Amino acid sequence: MTKHKVIFDTDPGVDDALALYYLVRHPQIDLLGVTTVFGNAPVAMTTRNARFLMQAWGHDAPVHRGAEGAMTPDMPPEFWPTHIHGDNGLGNHPTPSEPVDEPETAAQFLIDTIRAHPGEVRVLAVGRMTNLARALQMRPTSRGWCATW
């Protein structure tokens, strides 16, 4: 059985949590990592949510914090959809840890992982495309990197 190599680029709120669960449990998915972005909640919270879910489901794929805001400075301020995803992004389901405050590593993780597996990685982006844009902005030059996008 062939496994599909996947990076899940997400802003885990309630909907993306369910999608992540399917990826973690699917027998034909090799989840290489999770990259987070702002959207359903601030990126510190979406990163915390992704780590919480991965640990709860016993999966050891790395989680990399991504973009905390838009790339263009003229974007209006964010208003998180708390009426849908609750105050913590997961429908107010209890989470054991504080939001993650660490450097952004998602774009570099995308580049490094895709370069390590040319033509094999599928990026499943269900949040804002800012991490992908930043990775492309970094202008990777190795053969095969952009062919998978």
N, C-alpha and C. Protein backbone atom coordinates (compact mmCIF):
# COMPACT_ATOMS: atom_id res chain seq x y z
N MET A 1 0.84 -1.17 0.00
CA MET A 1 0.00 0.00 0.00
C MET A 1 0.89 1.24 0.00
N THR A 2 0.67 2.11 -0.96
CA THR A 2 1.42 3.35 -1.06
C THR A 2 0.84 4.38 -0.09
N LYS A 3 1.74 5.03 0.64
CA LYS A 3 1.30 6.10 1.54
C LYS A 3 1.57 7.45 0.89
N HIS A 4 0.66 8.37 1.07
CA HIS A 4 0.81 9.72 0.54
C HIS A 4 1.46 10.60 1.61
N LYS A 5 2.56 11.25 1.25
CA LYS A 5 3.25 12.17 2.16
C LYS A 5 2.50 13.50 2.16
N VAL A 6 2.08 13.93 3.36
CA VAL A 6 1.24 15.12 3.47
C VAL A 6 1.79 16.06 4.54
N ILE A 7 1.76 17.35 4.22
CA ILE A 7 1.94 18.42 5.22
C ILE A 7 0.58 19.10 5.31
N PHE A 8 0.08 19.22 6.53
CA PHE A 8 -1.22 19.85 6.75
C PHE A 8 -0.99 21.28 7.22
N ASP A 9 -1.37 22.25 6.39
CA ASP A 9 -1.22 23.67 6.71
C ASP A 9 -2.59 24.16 7.17
N THR A 10 -2.69 24.60 8.42
CA THR A 10 -4.00 24.74 9.04
C THR A 10 -4.06 25.86 10.07
N ASP A 11 -5.27 26.25 10.41
CA ASP A 11 -5.52 27.19 11.51
C ASP A 11 -6.51 26.53 12.46
N PRO A 12 -6.10 25.46 13.15
CA PRO A 12 -7.05 24.60 13.85
C PRO A 12 -8.05 25.32 14.73
N GLY A 13 -9.24 25.31 14.19
CA GLY A 13 -10.45 25.55 14.91
C GLY A 13 -11.16 24.21 14.92
N VAL A 14 -12.43 24.23 15.17
CA VAL A 14 -13.20 22.99 15.28
C VAL A 14 -13.18 22.20 13.96
N ASP A 15 -13.38 22.88 12.84
CA ASP A 15 -13.45 22.19 11.54
C ASP A 15 -12.12 21.55 11.16
N ASP A 16 -11.02 22.28 11.32
CA ASP A 16 -9.71 21.75 10.96
C ASP A 16 -9.26 20.65 11.91
N ALA A 17 -9.74 20.68 13.14
CA ALA A 17 -9.43 19.60 14.09
C ALA A 17 -9.98 18.28 13.56
N LEU A 18 -11.17 18.31 13.02
CA LEU A 18 -11.76 17.09 12.47
C LEU A 18 -10.96 16.62 11.26
N ALA A 19 -10.59 17.53 10.39
CA ALA A 19 -9.78 17.17 9.22
C ALA A 19 -8.44 16.58 9.65
N LEU A 20 -7.81 17.15 10.66
CA LEU A 20 -6.55 16.63 11.17
C LEU A 20 -6.74 15.22 11.73
N TYR A 21 -7.83 14.99 12.42
CA TYR A 21 -8.11 13.66 12.96
C TYR A 21 -8.18 12.63 11.83
N TYR A 22 -8.85 12.96 10.75
CA TYR A 22 -8.94 12.05 9.61
C TYR A 22 -7.55 11.76 9.04
N LEU A 23 -6.72 12.78 8.92
CA LEU A 23 -5.36 12.58 8.40
C LEU A 23 -4.54 11.68 9.31
N VAL A 24 -4.62 11.92 10.61
CA VAL A 24 -3.86 11.13 11.58
C VAL A 24 -4.27 9.66 11.53
N ARG A 25 -5.53 9.40 11.32
CA ARG A 25 -6.05 8.03 11.37
C ARG A 25 -6.07 7.31 10.02
N HIS A 26 -5.91 8.03 8.93
CA HIS A 26 -6.02 7.40 7.61
C HIS A 26 -4.81 6.50 7.34
N PRO A 27 -5.04 5.24 6.96
CA PRO A 27 -3.92 4.31 6.78
C PRO A 27 -3.03 4.62 5.58
N GLN A 28 -3.51 5.44 4.64
CA GLN A 28 -2.70 5.75 3.47
C GLN A 28 -2.04 7.12 3.54
N ILE A 29 -2.08 7.76 4.70
CA ILE A 29 -1.47 9.08 4.88
C ILE A 29 -0.24 8.97 5.76
N ASP A 30 0.86 9.51 5.26
CA ASP A 30 2.08 9.67 6.05
C ASP A 30 2.16 11.17 6.38
N LEU A 31 1.64 11.54 7.54
CA LEU A 31 1.61 12.94 7.94
C LEU A 31 3.02 13.37 8.36
N LEU A 32 3.67 14.15 7.50
CA LEU A 32 5.05 14.56 7.74
C LEU A 32 5.14 15.72 8.73
N GLY A 33 4.09 16.51 8.81
CA GLY A 33 4.12 17.65 9.72
C GLY A 33 2.87 18.49 9.57
N VAL A 34 2.72 19.39 10.54
CA VAL A 34 1.60 20.33 10.57
C VAL A 34 2.19 21.72 10.66
N THR A 35 1.73 22.61 9.80
CA THR A 35 2.13 24.01 9.87
C THR A 35 0.89 24.82 10.22
N THR A 36 1.06 25.81 11.07
CA THR A 36 -0.09 26.57 11.55
C THR A 36 -0.04 28.00 11.03
N VAL A 37 -1.21 28.61 11.01
CA VAL A 37 -1.36 29.97 10.52
C VAL A 37 -2.51 30.62 11.29
N PHE A 38 -2.55 31.93 11.29
CA PHE A 38 -3.66 32.65 11.91
C PHE A 38 -4.92 32.46 11.08
N GLY A 39 -6.07 32.63 11.69
CA GLY A 39 -7.32 32.53 10.93
C GLY A 39 -8.50 32.30 11.85
N ASN A 40 -8.70 31.06 12.27
CA ASN A 40 -9.79 30.77 13.21
C ASN A 40 -9.48 31.31 14.60
N ALA A 41 -8.21 31.58 14.85
CA ALA A 41 -7.72 32.13 16.12
C ALA A 41 -6.32 32.68 15.84
N PRO A 42 -5.72 33.40 16.78
CA PRO A 42 -4.34 33.85 16.59
C PRO A 42 -3.41 32.65 16.45
N VAL A 43 -2.29 32.83 15.76
CA VAL A 43 -1.38 31.71 15.47
C VAL A 43 -0.81 31.06 16.74
N ALA A 44 -0.60 31.82 17.80
CA ALA A 44 -0.13 31.20 19.04
C ALA A 44 -1.14 30.18 19.54
N MET A 45 -2.41 30.47 19.35
CA MET A 45 -3.46 29.57 19.79
C MET A 45 -3.63 28.40 18.82
N THR A 46 -3.56 28.65 17.51
CA THR A 46 -3.72 27.56 16.55
C THR A 46 -2.55 26.58 16.66
N THR A 47 -1.36 27.09 16.98
CA THR A 47 -0.20 26.22 17.17
C THR A 47 -0.40 25.36 18.42
N ARG A 48 -0.84 25.99 19.49
CA ARG A 48 -1.14 25.25 20.72
C ARG A 48 -2.19 24.19 20.45
N ASN A 49 -3.24 24.54 19.71
CA ASN A 49 -4.31 23.60 19.40
C ASN A 49 -3.79 22.41 18.61
N ALA A 50 -2.96 22.66 17.60
CA ALA A 50 -2.42 21.57 16.79
C ALA A 50 -1.57 20.64 17.65
N ARG A 51 -0.73 21.19 18.50
CA ARG A 51 0.10 20.35 19.38
C ARG A 51 -0.75 19.54 20.36
N PHE A 52 -1.75 20.19 20.92
CA PHE A 52 -2.66 19.51 21.85
C PHE A 52 -3.33 18.32 21.16
N LEU A 53 -3.85 18.54 19.96
CA LEU A 53 -4.55 17.48 19.24
C LEU A 53 -3.60 16.35 18.85
N MET A 54 -2.43 16.69 18.36
CA MET A 54 -1.47 15.65 17.97
C MET A 54 -1.08 14.79 19.17
N GLN A 55 -0.86 15.42 20.29
CA GLN A 55 -0.52 14.67 21.50
C GLN A 55 -1.70 13.81 21.97
N ALA A 56 -2.89 14.37 21.95
CA ALA A 56 -4.08 13.63 22.38
C ALA A 56 -4.32 12.40 21.52
N TRP A 57 -3.97 12.50 20.23
CA TRP A 57 -4.19 11.39 19.32
C TRP A 57 -2.97 10.50 19.14
N GLY A 58 -1.91 10.77 19.91
CA GLY A 58 -0.73 9.92 19.91
C GLY A 58 0.07 9.94 18.63
N HIS A 59 0.12 11.08 17.96
CA HIS A 59 0.89 11.19 16.71
C HIS A 59 2.07 12.11 16.94
N ASP A 60 3.22 11.74 16.39
CA ASP A 60 4.44 12.49 16.68
C ASP A 60 4.92 13.39 15.54
N ALA A 61 4.09 13.65 14.54
CA ALA A 61 4.49 14.57 13.48
C ALA A 61 4.76 15.94 14.09
N PRO A 62 5.80 16.63 13.62
CA PRO A 62 6.11 17.94 14.19
C PRO A 62 5.07 19.00 13.82
N VAL A 63 4.92 19.98 14.70
CA VAL A 63 4.04 21.11 14.47
C VAL A 63 4.92 22.36 14.40
N HIS A 64 4.77 23.13 13.33
CA HIS A 64 5.58 24.34 13.14
C HIS A 64 4.69 25.57 13.08
N ARG A 65 5.02 26.53 13.92
CA ARG A 65 4.27 27.79 13.96
C ARG A 65 4.52 28.56 12.67
N GLY A 66 3.44 29.13 12.15
CA GLY A 66 3.54 29.89 10.92
C GLY A 66 3.17 31.34 11.10
N ALA A 67 2.60 31.90 10.05
CA ALA A 67 2.32 33.34 9.97
C ALA A 67 1.30 33.78 11.00
N GLU A 68 1.59 34.92 11.61
CA GLU A 68 0.66 35.47 12.60
C GLU A 68 -0.20 36.58 12.02
N GLY A 69 0.07 36.95 10.78
CA GLY A 69 -0.72 38.00 10.14
C GLY A 69 -0.48 38.01 8.65
N ALA A 70 -1.22 38.86 7.99
CA ALA A 70 -1.12 38.99 6.54
C ALA A 70 0.23 39.57 6.13
N MET A 71 0.62 39.32 4.90
CA MET A 71 1.89 39.82 4.39
C MET A 71 1.81 41.28 3.97
N THR A 72 0.61 41.77 3.74
CA THR A 72 0.44 43.16 3.32
C THR A 72 0.06 44.02 4.52
N PRO A 73 0.74 45.14 4.70
CA PRO A 73 0.52 45.96 5.90
C PRO A 73 -0.82 46.69 5.92
N ASP A 74 -1.52 46.76 4.80
CA ASP A 74 -2.77 47.53 4.76
C ASP A 74 -4.01 46.70 5.07
N MET A 75 -3.82 45.46 5.53
CA MET A 75 -4.97 44.63 5.88
C MET A 75 -5.62 45.13 7.16
N PRO A 76 -6.95 45.06 7.24
CA PRO A 76 -7.63 45.49 8.47
C PRO A 76 -7.30 44.53 9.62
N PRO A 77 -7.48 44.96 10.86
CA PRO A 77 -7.18 44.08 11.99
C PRO A 77 -8.08 42.84 11.97
N GLU A 78 -7.57 41.76 12.54
CA GLU A 78 -8.31 40.51 12.58
C GLU A 78 -9.38 40.50 13.65
N PHE A 79 -10.48 39.88 13.35
CA PHE A 79 -11.53 39.61 14.32
C PHE A 79 -11.77 38.12 14.26
N TRP A 80 -11.41 37.43 15.33
CA TRP A 80 -11.48 35.97 15.36
C TRP A 80 -12.93 35.52 15.46
N PRO A 81 -13.31 34.46 14.74
CA PRO A 81 -14.70 33.99 14.75
C PRO A 81 -15.03 33.19 16.02
N THR A 82 -15.00 33.89 17.15
CA THR A 82 -15.25 33.22 18.44
C THR A 82 -16.67 32.69 18.54
N HIS A 83 -17.59 33.26 17.78
CA HIS A 83 -18.97 32.76 17.80
C HIS A 83 -19.07 31.37 17.18
N ILE A 84 -18.05 30.96 16.42
CA ILE A 84 -18.01 29.63 15.80
C ILE A 84 -17.03 28.72 16.55
N HIS A 85 -15.80 29.22 16.79
CA HIS A 85 -14.73 28.39 17.32
C HIS A 85 -14.45 28.61 18.80
N GLY A 86 -15.25 29.43 19.46
CA GLY A 86 -15.04 29.67 20.88
C GLY A 86 -13.85 30.57 21.14
N ASP A 87 -13.59 30.83 22.41
CA ASP A 87 -12.50 31.72 22.79
C ASP A 87 -11.12 31.09 22.60
N ASN A 88 -11.05 29.75 22.55
CA ASN A 88 -9.75 29.10 22.42
C ASN A 88 -9.55 28.44 21.06
N GLY A 89 -10.47 28.64 20.13
CA GLY A 89 -10.33 28.07 18.80
C GLY A 89 -10.85 26.65 18.68
N LEU A 90 -11.06 25.96 19.78
CA LEU A 90 -11.55 24.58 19.75
C LEU A 90 -12.91 24.45 20.43
N GLY A 91 -13.75 25.43 20.22
CA GLY A 91 -15.09 25.37 20.77
C GLY A 91 -15.13 25.40 22.29
N ASN A 92 -14.10 26.00 22.88
CA ASN A 92 -13.93 26.09 24.34
C ASN A 92 -13.72 24.74 25.00
N HIS A 93 -13.33 23.73 24.21
CA HIS A 93 -12.92 22.45 24.80
C HIS A 93 -11.68 22.72 25.64
N PRO A 94 -11.58 22.16 26.83
CA PRO A 94 -10.40 22.43 27.67
C PRO A 94 -9.09 22.02 27.00
N THR A 95 -8.15 22.91 27.03
CA THR A 95 -6.81 22.61 26.52
C THR A 95 -5.83 22.83 27.67
N PRO A 96 -4.86 21.94 27.83
CA PRO A 96 -4.02 21.97 29.02
C PRO A 96 -2.88 22.98 29.04
N SER A 97 -2.61 23.62 27.92
CA SER A 97 -1.43 24.48 27.90
C SER A 97 -1.76 25.88 27.40
N GLU A 98 -0.82 26.76 27.63
CA GLU A 98 -0.95 28.15 27.18
C GLU A 98 -0.64 28.24 25.68
N PRO A 99 -1.07 29.31 25.03
CA PRO A 99 -0.70 29.52 23.62
C PRO A 99 0.81 29.51 23.44
N VAL A 100 1.25 29.09 22.27
CA VAL A 100 2.66 28.90 21.97
C VAL A 100 3.29 30.21 21.51
N ASP A 101 4.34 30.65 22.19
CA ASP A 101 5.08 31.85 21.81
C ASP A 101 6.48 31.41 21.40
N GLU A 102 6.70 31.27 20.11
CA GLU A 102 7.97 30.80 19.59
C GLU A 102 8.18 31.38 18.20
N PRO A 103 9.36 31.23 17.64
CA PRO A 103 9.61 31.78 16.30
C PRO A 103 8.80 31.05 15.23
N GLU A 104 8.60 31.73 14.14
CA GLU A 104 7.92 31.17 12.98
C GLU A 104 8.87 30.24 12.23
N THR A 105 8.49 28.99 12.03
CA THR A 105 9.33 28.02 11.32
C THR A 105 8.60 27.31 10.19
N ALA A 106 7.34 27.61 9.97
CA ALA A 106 6.52 26.87 9.01
C ALA A 106 7.05 26.96 7.58
N ALA A 107 7.36 28.14 7.10
CA ALA A 107 7.81 28.28 5.70
C ALA A 107 9.09 27.49 5.46
N GLN A 108 10.03 27.56 6.39
CA GLN A 108 11.28 26.82 6.20
C GLN A 108 11.04 25.31 6.28
N PHE A 109 10.14 24.88 7.15
CA PHE A 109 9.78 23.46 7.22
C PHE A 109 9.18 23.00 5.90
N LEU A 110 8.29 23.79 5.31
CA LEU A 110 7.73 23.44 4.01
C LEU A 110 8.83 23.26 2.97
N ILE A 111 9.73 24.22 2.90
CA ILE A 111 10.82 24.16 1.92
C ILE A 111 11.69 22.93 2.16
N ASP A 112 12.14 22.74 3.38
CA ASP A 112 13.06 21.63 3.69
C ASP A 112 12.42 20.28 3.43
N THR A 113 11.17 20.12 3.81
CA THR A 113 10.51 18.83 3.65
C THR A 113 10.23 18.53 2.19
N ILE A 114 9.80 19.52 1.44
CA ILE A 114 9.54 19.31 0.02
C ILE A 114 10.84 19.03 -0.73
N ARG A 115 11.90 19.70 -0.36
CA ARG A 115 13.20 19.43 -0.97
C ARG A 115 13.70 18.02 -0.64
N ALA A 116 13.40 17.54 0.55
CA ALA A 116 13.85 16.20 0.98
C ALA A 116 13.08 15.09 0.26
N HIS A 117 11.91 15.40 -0.26
CA HIS A 117 11.06 14.41 -0.93
C HIS A 117 10.52 14.99 -2.23
N PRO A 118 11.39 15.29 -3.21
CA PRO A 118 10.93 15.98 -4.42
C PRO A 118 9.82 15.21 -5.15
N GLY A 119 8.77 15.94 -5.46
CA GLY A 119 7.66 15.38 -6.21
C GLY A 119 6.76 14.44 -5.43
N GLU A 120 6.99 14.27 -4.13
CA GLU A 120 6.22 13.31 -3.34
C GLU A 120 5.29 13.94 -2.31
N VAL A 121 5.52 15.19 -1.96
CA VAL A 121 4.79 15.81 -0.85
C VAL A 121 3.56 16.55 -1.36
N ARG A 122 2.45 16.32 -0.68
CA ARG A 122 1.22 17.07 -0.95
C ARG A 122 1.00 18.01 0.22
N VAL A 123 0.82 19.28 -0.09
CA VAL A 123 0.51 20.26 0.94
C VAL A 123 -0.99 20.45 0.94
N LEU A 124 -1.61 20.09 2.03
CA LEU A 124 -3.05 20.26 2.18
C LEU A 124 -3.25 21.52 3.00
N ALA A 125 -3.55 22.61 2.31
CA ALA A 125 -3.69 23.92 2.96
C ALA A 125 -5.17 24.23 3.12
N VAL A 126 -5.62 24.30 4.37
CA VAL A 126 -7.03 24.57 4.64
C VAL A 126 -7.24 25.90 5.35
N GLY A 127 -6.17 26.58 5.66
CA GLY A 127 -6.25 27.90 6.27
C GLY A 127 -5.83 28.95 5.26
N ARG A 128 -5.39 30.07 5.74
CA ARG A 128 -4.88 31.12 4.85
C ARG A 128 -3.60 30.63 4.19
N MET A 129 -3.30 31.11 3.05
CA MET A 129 -2.15 30.64 2.27
C MET A 129 -0.86 31.39 2.58
N THR A 130 -0.81 32.07 3.69
CA THR A 130 0.34 32.91 4.02
C THR A 130 1.62 32.10 4.18
N ASN A 131 1.59 30.94 4.80
CA ASN A 131 2.80 30.13 4.94
C ASN A 131 3.34 29.70 3.57
N LEU A 132 2.45 29.34 2.67
CA LEU A 132 2.88 28.96 1.33
C LEU A 132 3.47 30.15 0.60
N ALA A 133 2.84 31.31 0.74
CA ALA A 133 3.35 32.52 0.09
C ALA A 133 4.74 32.87 0.64
N ARG A 134 4.92 32.74 1.94
CA ARG A 134 6.23 33.04 2.53
C ARG A 134 7.29 32.05 2.05
N ALA A 135 6.91 30.79 1.93
CA ALA A 135 7.86 29.79 1.42
C ALA A 135 8.25 30.13 -0.01
N LEU A 136 7.28 30.48 -0.83
CA LEU A 136 7.59 30.86 -2.21
C LEU A 136 8.40 32.15 -2.28
N GLN A 137 8.12 33.07 -1.36
CA GLN A 137 8.85 34.33 -1.31
C GLN A 137 10.33 34.12 -0.98
N MET A 138 10.62 33.06 -0.26
CA MET A 138 12.01 32.76 0.10
C MET A 138 12.80 32.26 -1.11
N ARG A 139 12.11 32.05 -2.21
CA ARG A 139 12.68 31.67 -3.51
C ARG A 139 13.61 30.46 -3.46
N PRO A 140 13.10 29.32 -3.11
CA PRO A 140 13.94 28.13 -3.13
C PRO A 140 14.36 27.83 -4.56
N THR A 141 15.58 27.37 -4.72
CA THR A 141 16.10 27.17 -6.07
C THR A 141 16.38 25.72 -6.42
N SER A 142 16.28 24.80 -5.49
CA SER A 142 16.61 23.42 -5.82
C SER A 142 15.57 22.83 -6.76
N ARG A 143 16.01 21.96 -7.64
CA ARG A 143 15.10 21.32 -8.59
C ARG A 143 14.04 20.52 -7.86
N GLY A 144 12.85 20.56 -8.38
CA GLY A 144 11.78 19.75 -7.85
C GLY A 144 10.93 20.44 -6.80
N TRP A 145 11.44 21.51 -6.20
CA TRP A 145 10.67 22.13 -5.11
C TRP A 145 9.37 22.71 -5.64
N CYS A 146 9.45 23.59 -6.62
CA CYS A 146 8.25 24.26 -7.10
C CYS A 146 7.39 23.34 -7.96
N ALA A 147 7.95 22.26 -8.47
CA ALA A 147 7.17 21.35 -9.31
C ALA A 147 6.04 20.69 -8.53
N THR A 148 6.13 20.65 -7.23
CA THR A 148 5.10 20.01 -6.44
C THR A 148 4.01 20.97 -6.02
N TRP A 149 4.14 22.24 -6.34
CA TRP A 149 3.16 23.24 -5.89
C TRP A 149 2.12 23.49 -6.93
